[in-house]
Amino acid sequence: MTPRDALIADLTALILEATEKAPVAPPLSPEEAIFGTGTRLALDSLDALQVSMALQRRYGVRLTDSKDTRRILACVGNLADHLLQKHA
């Protein structure tokens, strides 16, 4: 398992915990959209706030720019890549 794969697994668990969603089967792919009514998790803006707060607590990362935040939180893969760049 690569560091990115491990981070994706951790982030998926963090997102499910922060938003109180049940795990989905099959598991989310790293590039699968997680926000919006047409997605399996159907996360909304309140969920985005909860995920942002959980990220700040666990990783010390703040997502402040709304345009960047939307792109970063679009899928777990984007979020993992952002964290790996921040901590590289």
Protein backbone atom coordinates (compact mmCIF):
# COMPACT_ATOMS: atom_id res chain seq x y z
CA MET A 1 0.00 0.00 0.00
CA THR A 2 1.44 3.36 -1.02
CA PRO A 3 1.39 6.38 1.31
CA ARG A 4 -1.33 7.89 -0.91
CA ASP A 5 -3.45 4.73 -0.64
CA ALA A 6 -3.08 4.71 3.15
CA LEU A 7 -4.03 8.39 3.30
CA ILE A 8 -7.07 7.79 1.07
CA ALA A 9 -8.25 5.01 3.40
CA ASP A 10 -7.78 7.27 6.43
CA LEU A 11 -9.52 10.21 4.74
CA THR A 12 -12.45 8.05 3.66
CA ALA A 13 -12.92 6.90 7.26
CA LEU A 14 -12.58 10.49 8.52
CA ILE A 15 -15.21 11.74 6.04
CA LEU A 16 -17.65 8.97 6.95
CA GLU A 17 -17.14 9.62 10.66
CA ALA A 18 -17.37 13.42 10.40
CA THR A 19 -20.56 13.27 8.35
CA GLU A 20 -22.06 10.29 10.19
CA LYS A 21 -22.51 8.38 6.93
CA ALA A 22 -22.45 4.61 6.65
CA PRO A 23 -19.71 2.97 4.57
CA VAL A 24 -20.76 2.33 0.98
CA ALA A 25 -20.27 -0.85 -1.00
CA PRO A 26 -18.29 -1.15 -3.09
CA PRO A 27 -15.87 1.29 -1.42
CA LEU A 28 -15.48 4.76 -2.91
CA SER A 29 -12.89 5.09 -5.61
CA PRO A 30 -10.36 7.91 -5.08
CA GLU A 31 -11.78 9.88 -8.04
CA GLU A 32 -15.47 9.34 -7.24
CA ALA A 33 -17.40 12.54 -6.51
CA ILE A 34 -18.63 12.74 -2.92
CA PHE A 35 -20.66 15.99 -2.92
CA GLY A 36 -24.04 16.53 -4.53
CA THR A 37 -27.36 14.77 -4.74
CA GLY A 38 -26.27 12.52 -7.59
CA THR A 39 -23.39 10.96 -5.63
CA ARG A 40 -23.44 7.91 -3.37
CA LEU A 41 -22.56 9.90 -0.24
CA ALA A 42 -24.69 12.92 -1.28
CA LEU A 43 -22.68 15.28 0.94
CA ASP A 44 -23.83 18.89 1.21
CA SER A 45 -22.42 22.22 2.44
CA LEU A 46 -22.95 21.33 6.11
CA ASP A 47 -21.03 18.10 5.52
CA ALA A 48 -18.24 20.14 3.89
CA LEU A 49 -17.97 22.23 7.04
CA GLN A 50 -17.84 19.12 9.22
CA VAL A 51 -15.16 17.55 7.00
CA SER A 52 -13.14 20.79 7.04
CA MET A 53 -13.25 20.90 10.85
CA ALA A 54 -12.22 17.24 11.09
CA LEU A 55 -9.30 17.87 8.70
CA GLN A 56 -8.15 20.80 10.80
CA ARG A 57 -8.26 18.72 14.00
CA ARG A 58 -6.48 15.68 12.57
CA TYR A 59 -4.05 17.20 10.06
CA GLY A 60 -3.83 20.86 11.09
CA VAL A 61 -4.92 21.89 7.58
CA ARG A 62 -7.32 24.78 7.02
CA LEU A 63 -9.25 25.09 3.79
CA THR A 64 -9.96 28.80 3.45
CA ASP A 65 -10.50 29.64 -0.23
CA SER A 66 -13.96 28.49 -1.29
CA LYS A 67 -12.98 27.86 -4.92
CA ASP A 68 -9.99 25.74 -3.89
CA THR A 69 -12.02 24.03 -1.18
CA ARG A 70 -14.63 22.95 -3.71
CA ARG A 71 -11.94 21.44 -5.95
CA ILE A 72 -10.05 19.83 -3.04
CA LEU A 73 -13.17 18.26 -1.52
CA ALA A 74 -14.61 17.08 -4.84
CA CYS A 75 -13.23 13.58 -4.25
CA VAL A 76 -11.04 11.76 -1.75
CA GLY A 77 -8.17 11.55 -4.26
CA ASN A 78 -8.03 15.35 -4.62
CA LEU A 79 -8.01 15.74 -0.86
CA ALA A 80 -5.22 13.18 -0.45
CA ASP A 81 -3.13 14.88 -3.14
CA HIS A 82 -3.64 18.27 -1.46
CA LEU A 83 -2.51 16.92 1.92
CA LEU A 84 0.49 15.15 0.41
CA GLN A 85 1.56 18.41 -1.29
CA LYS A 86 1.11 20.40 1.93
CA HIS A 87 3.20 17.92 3.93
CA ALA A 88 5.81 17.18 1.23
